[in-house]
Amino acid sequence: MFKIIKEKINFLMDKLRRKVAYVPAVSDTVKSLQDVGLDLTEDQNGET
């Protein structure tokens, strides 16, 4: 019983760590694109 609970907790913690680790990677990628002149925050097609 405790083994199953421990496995579930480890699984959930692993998912949480992966989500937290993903956010800075995306932020770094967007910053790198901005450094080379691509700004992903601007609306390129003029629609609102």
C-alpha atoms as a PDB file:
ATOM      1  CA  MET A   1       0.000   0.000   0.000  1.00  0.00           C
ATOM      2  CA  PHE A   2       2.716   2.467   0.991  1.00  0.00           C
ATOM      3  CA  LYS A   3       4.746   1.499  -2.061  1.00  0.00           C
ATOM      4  CA  ILE A   4       1.865   2.466  -4.367  1.00  0.00           C
ATOM      5  CA  ILE A   5       1.406   5.799  -2.593  1.00  0.00           C
ATOM      6  CA  LYS A   6       5.145   6.481  -2.761  1.00  0.00           C
ATOM      7  CA  GLU A   7       5.184   5.715  -6.509  1.00  0.00           C
ATOM      8  CA  LYS A   8       2.224   8.054  -7.114  1.00  0.00           C
ATOM      9  CA  ILE A   9       3.899  10.855  -5.148  1.00  0.00           C
ATOM     10  CA  ASN A  10       7.162  10.338  -7.041  1.00  0.00           C
ATOM     11  CA  PHE A  11       5.255  10.408 -10.343  1.00  0.00           C
ATOM     12  CA  LEU A  12       3.470  13.651  -9.447  1.00  0.00           C
ATOM     13  CA  MET A  13       6.694  15.277  -8.214  1.00  0.00           C
ATOM     14  CA  ASP A  14       8.447  14.256 -11.435  1.00  0.00           C
ATOM     15  CA  LYS A  15       5.667  15.852 -13.508  1.00  0.00           C
ATOM     16  CA  LEU A  16       5.904  19.018 -11.423  1.00  0.00           C
ATOM     17  CA  ARG A  17       9.701  19.185 -11.792  1.00  0.00           C
ATOM     18  CA  ARG A  18       9.386  18.775 -15.559  1.00  0.00           C
ATOM     19  CA  LYS A  19       6.851  21.622 -15.811  1.00  0.00           C
ATOM     20  CA  VAL A  20       8.987  23.913 -13.669  1.00  0.00           C
ATOM     21  CA  ALA A  21      12.096  23.027 -15.685  1.00  0.00           C
ATOM     22  CA  TYR A  22      10.250  23.695 -18.956  1.00  0.00           C
ATOM     23  CA  VAL A  23       9.328  27.304 -18.202  1.00  0.00           C
ATOM     24  CA  PRO A  24      12.886  28.720 -17.985  1.00  0.00           C
ATOM     25  CA  ALA A  25      13.852  26.861 -21.156  1.00  0.00           C
ATOM     26  CA  VAL A  26      11.030  28.555 -23.075  1.00  0.00           C
ATOM     27  CA  SER A  27      11.933  31.914 -21.555  1.00  0.00           C
ATOM     28  CA  ASP A  28      15.566  31.488 -22.622  1.00  0.00           C
ATOM     29  CA  THR A  29      14.507  30.521 -26.136  1.00  0.00           C
ATOM     30  CA  VAL A  30      12.266  33.577 -26.498  1.00  0.00           C
ATOM     31  CA  LYS A  31      15.047  35.825 -25.167  1.00  0.00           C
ATOM     32  CA  SER A  32      17.517  34.318 -27.635  1.00  0.00           C
ATOM     33  CA  LEU A  33      15.096  34.938 -30.506  1.00  0.00           C
ATOM     34  CA  GLN A  34      14.646  38.533 -29.359  1.00  0.00           C
ATOM     35  CA  ASP A  35      18.431  38.946 -29.281  1.00  0.00           C
ATOM     36  CA  VAL A  36      18.598  38.074 -32.981  1.00  0.00           C
ATOM     37  CA  GLY A  37      15.766  40.456 -33.831  1.00  0.00           C
ATOM     38  CA  LEU A  38      12.621  38.335 -33.662  1.00  0.00           C
ATOM     39  CA  ASP A  39      10.009  39.689 -31.259  1.00  0.00           C
ATOM     40  CA  LEU A  40       7.276  37.138 -30.676  1.00  0.00           C
ATOM     41  CA  THR A  41       5.178  39.504 -28.576  1.00  0.00           C
ATOM     42  CA  GLU A  42       4.207  41.798 -31.455  1.00  0.00           C
ATOM     43  CA  ASP A  43       1.154  41.157 -33.603  1.00  0.00           C
ATOM     44  CA  GLN A  44       2.592  40.572 -37.060  1.00  0.00           C
ATOM     45  CA  ASN A  45      -0.636  40.452 -39.096  1.00  0.00           C
ATOM     46  CA  GLY A  46      -2.283  43.641 -37.797  1.00  0.00           C
ATOM     47  CA  GLU A  47      -5.409  41.934 -36.452  1.00  0.00           C
ATOM     48  CA  THR A  48      -6.623  42.682 -32.928  1.00  0.00           C
END
